[in-house]
Amino acid sequence: MHPSQSYENISFFQPPAFLMIGIPGMETIHGWISIPFSSMYAVALTGNCLILLAVRRTPSLHQPMYYFLSMLALTDVGLALSTLPTTLAVLWFDQRLIGFSACLVQMFFLHSFSVVESSVLLAMSFDCFVAISNPLRYVAVLTNNVIIRIGLAIVARATLCLFPVPFLIKRLNFCPRKILLSHSFCFHPDVMRRACEDITINIHYGLYVVVSTGGIDSLFIFLSYTLILCTALGLASPQEQLRALNTCVSHIRAVFVFFIPGITTSMIHRFGKHLPHTVRALVAYVYLVVPPVLNPIIYSIKSKPIREAMLRMLRQKG
């Protein structure tokens, strides 16, 4: 009897491993594609680690604004490391297999770091609002204890939201002939669609996580900037208005870099089934890989204290 025929009599099946495609339709040029991907991962890890070291070693940067930036950099390191091992394994060595349990672990951390990044960006918008609306009480409001509590709340929120996801996947009966993943990492919408049974609960819970995290965060970020704009326009001179708004430019760019690809990815997985697999895969890579690459570049260019601290560190090492 052929192995695939024997599976038909099995009432419940979980694959020992999934097979990752990488970038569909571009398998023959994975070696060339690995060059820009390797470069992006190197930039992401190096840039964010430099920011963390710069804030830690520079006493003048021990302020709420830079503590939140450190949270963002640490999250970007985690987000990059979540996809790096399997992505480079596929592109460099054509190692496409990932064990079922390893897939669930990667999926949990990948989506958890995405939720953490969304929450940190919301916290940074609150930081901008306090700095502009009440600068004299800025340090008094955002004390070290408050920042630590915000950080712990962010981690707890992501953990509680994503904790059920691996168990919801584990309860599914999978199809032996549908173990081919459309990416080089375990993405929840991709994995759950390999099942041979009703996935309504998984779809509804995934939608709940998206709306209750990224959806609510983006709404509150928009409200924060509405209040920031009203406060800035109420300042006496145009120079003061411009100076106040200029402090938030880097954060606004980081918000767009993260949320636009994130919303696009979510919409494509729900309504873009007719799109080519290559397009869906590339949008997912943009969502997960590009923000960790661009955030340190955005902040090092725009923030003079961060840029000077990073350059000082590089000179000392040189």
Protein backbone atom coordinates (compact mmCIF):
# COMPACT_ATOMS: atom_id res chain seq x y z
CA MET A 1 0.00 0.00 0.00
CA HIS A 2 1.27 3.47 -0.87
CA PRO A 3 2.10 5.59 2.26
CA SER A 4 -0.28 8.36 1.21
CA GLN A 5 -3.15 5.83 1.00
CA SER A 6 -2.50 4.58 4.52
CA TYR A 7 -3.07 8.09 5.88
CA GLU A 8 -6.66 8.09 4.63
CA ASN A 9 -7.65 5.65 7.39
CA ILE A 10 -6.10 7.75 10.15
CA SER A 11 -8.74 9.74 12.06
CA PHE A 12 -6.30 12.30 13.46
CA PHE A 13 -3.02 13.30 11.84
CA GLN A 14 -0.33 15.80 12.77
CA PRO A 15 2.68 15.99 10.47
CA PRO A 16 6.08 15.34 12.06
CA ALA A 17 7.36 18.30 10.05
CA PHE A 18 6.31 20.98 7.57
CA LEU A 19 8.05 21.72 4.27
CA MET A 20 8.83 25.40 3.67
CA ILE A 21 8.86 26.82 0.15
CA GLY A 22 10.77 30.03 0.81
CA ILE A 23 9.67 32.46 -1.89
CA PRO A 24 7.24 30.67 -4.23
CA GLY A 25 8.25 30.81 -7.88
CA MET A 26 11.79 31.92 -7.09
CA GLU A 27 13.25 28.67 -5.77
CA THR A 28 15.90 28.56 -8.51
CA ILE A 29 17.40 31.91 -7.48
CA HIS A 30 17.29 31.47 -3.70
CA GLY A 31 21.08 31.73 -3.65
CA TRP A 32 20.96 35.23 -5.12
CA ILE A 33 17.99 36.24 -2.97
CA SER A 34 19.94 35.22 0.12
CA ILE A 35 22.37 38.12 -0.44
CA PRO A 36 19.89 40.97 0.22
CA PHE A 37 18.20 38.97 2.99
CA SER A 38 21.51 38.29 4.75
CA SER A 39 22.40 41.98 4.42
CA MET A 40 19.07 43.06 5.90
CA TYR A 41 19.40 40.71 8.87
CA ALA A 42 22.95 41.94 9.46
CA VAL A 43 21.83 45.58 9.38
CA ALA A 44 18.86 44.85 11.65
CA LEU A 45 20.88 43.03 14.31
CA THR A 46 23.87 45.38 14.18
CA GLY A 47 21.82 48.59 14.15
CA ASN A 48 19.49 47.63 16.98
CA CYS A 49 22.31 46.22 19.14
CA LEU A 50 24.23 49.48 18.65
CA ILE A 51 21.20 51.46 19.85
CA LEU A 52 20.91 49.25 22.94
CA LEU A 53 24.60 49.65 23.75
CA ALA A 54 24.54 53.40 23.05
CA VAL A 55 21.65 53.98 25.47
CA ARG A 56 23.19 51.75 28.11
CA ARG A 57 26.66 53.34 27.99
CA THR A 58 25.61 57.00 27.63
CA PRO A 59 24.29 58.53 30.89
CA SER A 60 22.72 61.47 29.04
CA LEU A 61 20.45 59.02 27.20
CA HIS A 62 19.02 57.59 30.42
CA GLN A 63 15.68 59.26 29.77
CA PRO A 64 12.17 57.88 29.16
CA MET A 65 12.30 58.58 25.43
CA TYR A 66 15.44 56.48 24.95
CA TYR A 67 14.24 53.73 27.28
CA PHE A 68 11.24 53.26 25.01
CA LEU A 69 13.57 53.33 22.01
CA SER A 70 15.59 50.56 23.69
CA MET A 71 12.39 48.53 24.07
CA LEU A 72 11.74 48.97 20.35
CA ALA A 73 15.30 47.96 19.46
CA LEU A 74 15.15 44.86 21.70
CA THR A 75 11.81 43.89 20.13
CA ASP A 76 13.26 44.31 16.62
CA VAL A 77 16.16 42.02 17.55
CA GLY A 78 13.67 39.39 18.72
CA LEU A 79 11.53 39.81 15.61
CA ALA A 80 14.55 39.41 13.33
CA LEU A 81 15.84 36.36 15.22
CA SER A 82 12.38 34.74 15.02
CA THR A 83 12.60 34.36 11.24
CA LEU A 84 16.37 34.41 10.61
CA PRO A 85 17.26 30.71 11.28
CA THR A 86 14.66 29.15 8.99
CA THR A 87 14.81 31.86 6.31
CA LEU A 88 18.57 31.62 5.86
CA ALA A 89 18.46 27.81 6.17
CA VAL A 90 16.08 27.71 3.19
CA LEU A 91 17.90 30.34 1.13
CA TRP A 92 21.47 29.21 1.90
CA PHE A 93 21.28 25.45 2.34
CA ASP A 94 17.88 24.50 0.91
CA GLN A 95 16.96 23.07 4.33
CA ARG A 96 13.18 23.22 4.06
CA LEU A 97 11.97 20.95 6.86
CA ILE A 98 10.84 22.32 10.21
CA GLY A 99 9.51 20.04 12.95
CA PHE A 100 5.89 20.44 14.04
CA SER A 101 6.78 21.49 17.62
CA ALA A 102 9.56 23.82 16.40
CA CYS A 103 7.04 25.37 14.02
CA LEU A 104 4.63 26.11 16.88
CA VAL A 105 7.43 27.65 18.97
CA GLN A 106 8.56 29.87 16.09
CA MET A 107 4.97 30.91 15.37
CA PHE A 108 4.41 31.88 19.02
CA PHE A 109 7.52 34.05 19.25
CA LEU A 110 7.09 35.56 15.79
CA HIS A 111 3.55 36.78 16.50
CA SER A 112 4.37 37.68 20.12
CA PHE A 113 7.16 40.03 19.04
CA SER A 114 4.80 41.57 16.48
CA VAL A 115 2.29 42.32 19.25
CA VAL A 116 5.08 43.67 21.47
CA GLU A 117 6.27 45.99 18.70
CA SER A 118 2.76 47.33 18.21
CA SER A 119 2.44 47.94 21.96
CA VAL A 120 5.84 49.64 22.21
CA LEU A 121 4.91 52.01 19.37
CA LEU A 122 1.75 52.89 21.30
CA ALA A 123 3.81 53.53 24.46
CA MET A 124 6.15 55.76 22.44
CA SER A 125 3.18 57.80 21.18
CA PHE A 126 2.13 58.31 24.81
CA ASP A 127 5.71 59.39 25.55
CA CYS A 128 5.52 61.97 22.74
CA PHE A 129 2.17 63.26 24.01
CA VAL A 130 3.45 63.75 27.57
CA ALA A 131 6.65 65.42 26.32
CA ILE A 132 4.70 67.97 24.25
CA SER A 133 1.60 68.53 26.40
CA ASN A 134 3.31 68.65 29.79
CA PRO A 135 7.09 69.00 29.38
CA LEU A 136 7.67 70.31 32.91
CA ARG A 137 6.22 67.13 34.46
CA TYR A 138 7.62 64.76 31.81
CA VAL A 139 10.22 63.11 34.05
CA ALA A 140 7.83 63.08 37.02
CA VAL A 141 5.11 61.29 35.02
CA LEU A 142 7.36 58.77 33.24
CA THR A 143 9.48 57.57 36.14
CA ASN A 144 11.65 54.45 35.91
CA ASN A 145 9.03 52.46 37.84
CA VAL A 146 6.29 53.53 35.42
CA ILE A 147 8.42 52.57 32.42
CA ILE A 148 9.23 49.15 33.95
CA ARG A 149 5.52 48.56 34.59
CA ILE A 150 4.66 49.55 31.02
CA GLY A 151 7.31 47.13 29.72
CA LEU A 152 6.03 44.26 31.87
CA ALA A 153 2.44 44.99 30.84
CA ILE A 154 3.45 44.89 27.16
CA VAL A 155 5.16 41.50 27.54
CA ALA A 156 2.25 40.10 29.59
CA ARG A 157 -0.27 41.30 27.01
CA ALA A 158 1.58 39.66 24.11
CA THR A 159 2.09 36.40 26.04
CA LEU A 160 -1.55 36.11 27.12
CA CYS A 161 -2.88 36.95 23.65
CA LEU A 162 -0.65 34.46 21.82
CA PHE A 163 -0.53 31.67 24.42
CA PRO A 164 -3.70 29.91 23.10
CA VAL A 165 -2.54 29.97 19.45
CA PRO A 166 -0.21 26.91 19.52
CA PHE A 167 -2.87 24.90 21.35
CA LEU A 168 -5.52 25.91 18.81
CA ILE A 169 -3.18 24.63 16.08
CA LYS A 170 -2.40 21.43 18.00
CA ARG A 171 -6.07 20.45 18.15
CA LEU A 172 -6.39 20.48 14.35
CA ASN A 173 -6.39 17.43 12.11
CA PHE A 174 -3.94 18.09 9.28
CA CYS A 175 -3.95 16.87 5.72
CA PRO A 176 -0.97 14.62 4.84
CA ARG A 177 -0.86 16.17 1.37
CA LYS A 178 -0.94 19.78 2.66
CA ILE A 179 2.26 20.15 4.67
CA LEU A 180 3.83 22.70 2.31
CA LEU A 181 4.14 26.17 3.88
CA SER A 182 4.11 29.27 1.69
CA HIS A 183 6.96 30.99 3.55
CA SER A 184 10.30 30.15 5.11
CA PHE A 185 8.80 30.52 8.59
CA CYS A 186 5.64 29.44 10.44
CA PHE A 187 2.99 32.11 9.97
CA HIS A 188 -0.30 31.38 11.76
CA PRO A 189 -2.67 32.04 8.79
CA ASP A 190 -0.47 29.83 6.61
CA VAL A 191 -0.17 26.94 9.10
CA MET A 192 -3.84 26.75 10.05
CA ARG A 193 -4.87 26.45 6.40
CA ARG A 194 -2.96 23.15 6.16
CA ALA A 195 -5.69 21.55 8.29
CA CYS A 196 -8.35 19.19 6.91
CA GLU A 197 -11.15 20.38 9.19
CA ASP A 198 -13.11 23.45 10.15
CA ILE A 199 -10.74 26.25 11.21
CA THR A 200 -13.42 28.80 12.11
CA ILE A 201 -12.24 29.03 15.73
CA ASN A 202 -8.65 29.69 14.60
CA ILE A 203 -9.80 32.35 12.12
CA HIS A 204 -11.97 34.11 14.71
CA TYR A 205 -9.28 34.01 17.38
CA GLY A 206 -6.66 35.27 14.92
CA LEU A 207 -8.98 38.14 13.99
CA TYR A 208 -9.56 38.87 17.68
CA VAL A 209 -5.79 39.08 18.31
CA VAL A 210 -5.28 41.40 15.33
CA VAL A 211 -8.13 43.73 16.31
CA SER A 212 -7.42 43.72 20.07
CA THR A 213 -3.71 44.46 19.60
CA GLY A 214 -2.74 46.14 16.33
CA GLY A 215 -6.23 47.50 15.70
CA ILE A 216 -6.63 49.10 19.12
CA ASP A 217 -3.00 50.25 19.21
CA SER A 218 -3.25 52.00 15.83
CA LEU A 219 -6.50 53.68 16.94
CA PHE A 220 -4.92 55.00 20.15
CA ILE A 221 -1.80 56.10 18.27
CA PHE A 222 -4.04 58.09 15.90
CA LEU A 223 -5.85 59.66 18.88
CA SER A 224 -2.51 60.47 20.53
CA TYR A 225 -1.31 62.31 17.45
CA THR A 226 -4.61 64.16 17.16
CA LEU A 227 -4.05 65.46 20.69
CA ILE A 228 -0.37 66.13 19.95
CA LEU A 229 -1.31 68.16 16.86
CA CYS A 230 -3.91 70.17 18.80
CA THR A 231 -1.38 70.88 21.56
CA ALA A 232 1.38 71.84 19.12
CA LEU A 233 -0.89 74.19 17.16
CA GLY A 234 -1.80 75.88 20.43
CA LEU A 235 1.81 76.96 21.01
CA ALA A 236 2.64 80.62 20.60
CA SER A 237 5.14 80.73 17.74
CA PRO A 238 5.55 78.69 14.54
CA GLN A 239 9.09 77.83 15.64
CA GLU A 240 7.79 76.25 18.86
CA GLN A 241 5.13 74.37 16.91
CA LEU A 242 7.71 73.02 14.47
CA ARG A 243 10.12 72.09 17.27
CA ALA A 244 7.37 70.22 19.12
CA LEU A 245 6.23 68.26 16.07
CA ASN A 246 9.82 67.55 15.03
CA THR A 247 10.35 65.45 18.16
CA CYS A 248 7.79 62.91 16.88
CA VAL A 249 8.92 62.59 13.24
CA SER A 250 11.01 59.45 13.84
CA HIS A 251 8.19 57.77 15.70
CA ILE A 252 5.66 58.59 12.96
CA ARG A 253 7.97 56.98 10.40
CA ALA A 254 8.39 53.88 12.57
CA VAL A 255 4.60 53.63 12.92
CA PHE A 256 4.11 53.73 9.14
CA VAL A 257 6.96 51.25 8.54
CA PHE A 258 5.34 48.72 10.89
CA PHE A 259 1.59 49.19 10.55
CA ILE A 260 1.21 49.64 6.78
CA PRO A 261 2.87 46.28 5.89
CA GLY A 262 1.13 44.67 8.89
CA ILE A 263 -2.34 45.80 7.81
CA THR A 264 -1.55 44.85 4.19
CA THR A 265 -0.42 41.36 5.24
CA SER A 266 -3.55 40.81 7.34
CA MET A 267 -5.84 41.98 4.52
CA ILE A 268 -4.08 39.82 1.92
CA HIS A 269 -4.34 36.66 4.04
CA ARG A 270 -8.07 37.26 4.51
CA PHE A 271 -9.19 38.71 1.19
CA GLY A 272 -6.30 38.26 -1.25
CA LYS A 273 -6.43 34.55 -1.94
CA HIS A 274 -6.53 35.28 -5.67
CA LEU A 275 -3.16 37.04 -5.52
CA PRO A 276 -0.01 35.14 -6.59
CA HIS A 277 1.79 33.27 -3.79
CA THR A 278 4.94 35.28 -4.54
CA VAL A 279 3.17 38.57 -3.74
CA ARG A 280 1.75 37.24 -0.47
CA ALA A 281 5.14 35.88 0.59
CA LEU A 282 7.00 39.10 -0.23
CA VAL A 283 4.48 41.24 1.69
CA ALA A 284 4.94 38.99 4.74
CA TYR A 285 8.74 39.39 4.49
CA VAL A 286 8.34 43.18 4.27
CA TYR A 287 6.17 43.12 7.40
CA LEU A 288 8.57 40.98 9.46
CA VAL A 289 12.03 41.90 8.15
CA VAL A 290 11.89 45.53 7.00
CA PRO A 291 10.87 47.29 10.29
CA PRO A 292 13.86 45.88 12.25
CA VAL A 293 16.10 47.09 9.40
CA LEU A 294 14.67 50.59 9.02
CA ASN A 295 13.98 51.56 12.64
CA PRO A 296 17.64 51.93 13.72
CA ILE A 297 18.37 53.81 10.47
CA ILE A 298 15.42 56.16 11.05
CA TYR A 299 16.39 56.93 14.64
CA SER A 300 20.15 57.19 14.04
CA ILE A 301 19.59 59.70 11.22
CA LYS A 302 16.92 61.79 12.94
CA SER A 303 18.08 61.66 16.57
CA LYS A 304 21.35 63.53 17.01
CA PRO A 305 22.07 62.20 20.56
CA ILE A 306 21.63 58.59 19.39
CA ARG A 307 23.75 59.18 16.29
CA GLU A 308 26.56 60.81 18.27
CA ALA A 309 26.51 58.07 20.91
CA MET A 310 26.69 55.34 18.24
CA LEU A 311 29.54 57.09 16.39
CA ARG A 312 31.42 57.55 19.65
CA MET A 313 31.13 53.84 20.38
CA LEU A 314 32.32 52.92 16.89
CA ARG A 315 35.36 55.23 17.22
CA GLN A 316 36.26 53.67 20.57
CA LYS A 317 36.12 50.20 19.06
CA GLY A 318 38.14 51.34 16.07
